[in-house]
Protein backbone atom coordinates (compact mmCIF):
# COMPACT_ATOMS: atom_id res chain seq x y z
CA MET A 1 47.63 -35.42 11.14
CA THR A 2 51.34 -34.81 11.69
CA THR A 3 52.76 -31.64 13.22
CA MET A 4 54.10 -30.65 9.81
CA ASP A 5 50.65 -31.07 8.29
CA LYS A 6 49.18 -28.84 11.01
CA TYR A 7 51.71 -26.10 10.28
CA THR A 8 51.01 -26.37 6.56
CA VAL A 9 47.25 -26.05 7.15
CA LEU A 10 47.81 -23.06 9.46
CA TRP A 11 50.04 -21.39 6.87
CA LEU A 12 47.42 -21.92 4.15
CA ILE A 13 44.69 -20.46 6.36
CA CYS A 14 46.84 -17.37 6.97
CA VAL A 15 47.50 -16.94 3.25
CA VAL A 16 43.84 -17.39 2.30
CA ALA A 17 42.73 -15.03 5.08
CA GLY A 18 45.21 -12.40 3.89
CA VAL A 19 47.28 -12.44 7.06
CA GLN A 20 50.70 -10.98 6.43
CA ILE A 21 53.49 -13.25 7.57
CA THR A 22 56.46 -11.11 8.54
CA SER A 23 60.01 -11.95 9.37
CA ALA A 24 62.63 -10.07 11.31
CA ILE A 25 65.10 -7.83 9.48
CA ILE A 26 68.32 -6.24 10.67
CA CYS A 27 68.53 -2.45 10.77
CA TYR A 28 71.46 -0.21 11.59
CA ASP A 29 70.69 1.58 14.84
CA CYS A 30 72.67 4.68 15.78
CA ILE A 31 72.74 8.42 16.30
CA ASP A 32 75.71 10.70 15.72
CA THR A 33 74.77 13.30 18.33
CA PRO A 34 75.72 12.43 21.93
CA GLY A 35 73.27 12.84 24.80
CA ILE A 36 70.10 12.96 22.68
CA SER A 37 68.51 9.65 23.69
CA ASP A 38 69.15 6.26 25.22
CA HIS A 39 66.98 4.72 22.48
CA TRP A 40 69.78 4.72 19.86
CA THR A 41 73.42 3.75 20.17
CA TYR A 42 75.66 6.82 20.04
CA ASP A 43 78.25 6.40 17.31
CA PRO A 44 80.18 9.41 15.98
CA ASN A 45 80.48 7.52 12.66
CA CYS A 46 76.70 7.16 12.25
CA ALA A 47 76.62 9.99 9.70
CA ALA A 48 79.00 8.13 7.37
CA TYR A 49 77.24 7.57 4.06
CA ASP A 50 78.13 3.86 4.03
CA TYR A 51 77.72 3.23 7.75
CA HIS A 52 78.35 -0.34 8.96
CA GLY A 53 78.20 -0.41 12.75
CA SER A 54 75.67 -0.90 15.53
CA ASN A 55 72.60 -2.85 14.43
CA TYR A 56 69.35 -4.24 15.78
CA THR A 57 67.25 -7.25 14.76
CA THR A 58 63.61 -6.20 14.49
CA ASP A 59 60.66 -8.14 15.85
CA GLY A 60 59.29 -8.73 12.35
CA ASN A 61 56.82 -5.85 12.53
CA GLU A 62 59.24 -2.99 11.95
CA VAL A 63 60.97 -1.32 9.02
CA CYS A 64 64.34 0.44 8.94
CA TYR A 65 64.81 4.18 8.46
CA ILE A 66 67.36 6.92 7.99
CA LEU A 67 66.66 10.37 9.40
CA TYR A 68 68.85 13.08 7.89
CA THR A 69 68.69 16.61 9.31
CA ASP A 70 69.43 19.90 7.58
CA ASN A 71 72.54 20.31 9.75
CA GLY A 72 73.91 16.92 8.63
CA SER A 73 73.05 14.88 11.73
CA VAL A 74 71.98 11.29 11.06
CA THR A 75 69.89 8.78 12.98
CA ARG A 76 69.41 5.21 11.77
CA GLY A 77 66.82 2.97 13.38
CA ARG A 78 63.55 1.07 13.10
CA VAL A 79 59.87 1.89 13.39
CA ASN A 80 56.55 0.00 13.33
CA GLU A 81 55.79 -1.03 9.75
CA GLY A 82 52.11 -0.18 10.10
CA VAL A 83 53.10 3.45 9.90
CA HIS A 84 55.56 3.32 6.98
CA GLN A 85 56.68 0.95 4.25
CA GLU A 86 59.44 0.50 1.68
CA GLY A 87 60.16 3.69 -0.23
CA ASP A 88 58.12 6.04 1.98
CA CYS A 89 59.53 9.49 2.68
CA ARG A 90 58.64 11.79 5.55
CA PHE A 91 59.38 15.49 5.53
CA GLU A 92 59.26 17.71 8.58
CA PHE A 93 60.80 21.08 9.30
CA GLY A 94 64.55 20.48 9.31
CA PHE A 95 64.71 16.81 8.32
CA VAL A 96 63.86 14.08 5.85
CA GLN A 97 63.26 10.46 6.83
CA CYS A 98 63.19 7.48 4.44
CA TYR A 99 62.14 3.88 5.03
CA CYS A 100 63.22 0.46 3.75
CA GLU A 101 62.41 -3.21 4.44
CA THR A 102 65.48 -5.39 3.87
CA ASP A 103 68.47 -6.36 6.01
CA TYR A 104 70.96 -3.52 6.51
CA CYS A 105 69.09 -1.31 4.04
CA ASN A 106 69.40 1.91 6.06
CA THR A 107 72.90 2.79 4.86
CA GLY A 108 74.36 4.04 1.58
CA SER A 109 71.85 6.88 1.44
CA TYR A 110 71.01 10.30 2.78
CA CYS A 111 67.41 9.87 1.48
CA GLU A 112 68.29 11.32 -1.91
CA GLN A 113 65.41 9.38 -3.45
CA CYS A 114 63.04 11.55 -1.42
CA VAL A 115 64.37 14.88 -2.65
CA HIS A 116 63.64 15.46 -6.32
């Protein structure tokens, strides 16, 4: 059996067993408020609706998000996909957070789809 045949068999086993095969995506990663955290890259332009700046390639097990606060502050980042998936919305006191699963998807929105 060739190496390629072995990979094909392994892939088929994963599909039959229902194992999800994930791939990395690229998320924008920033915060527009200085001094909050070392986790995100501070960028005063992070709150721009169509932000195109600092980004991060996920490990294949994360989804992108936008967190928009009532005072207009924005954080863009990534989170474990086991918690959230495409189209999810999270509401807490003072903010809304929305999630997406494609490259550079966490821009061009202030989570309007979550607020009806």
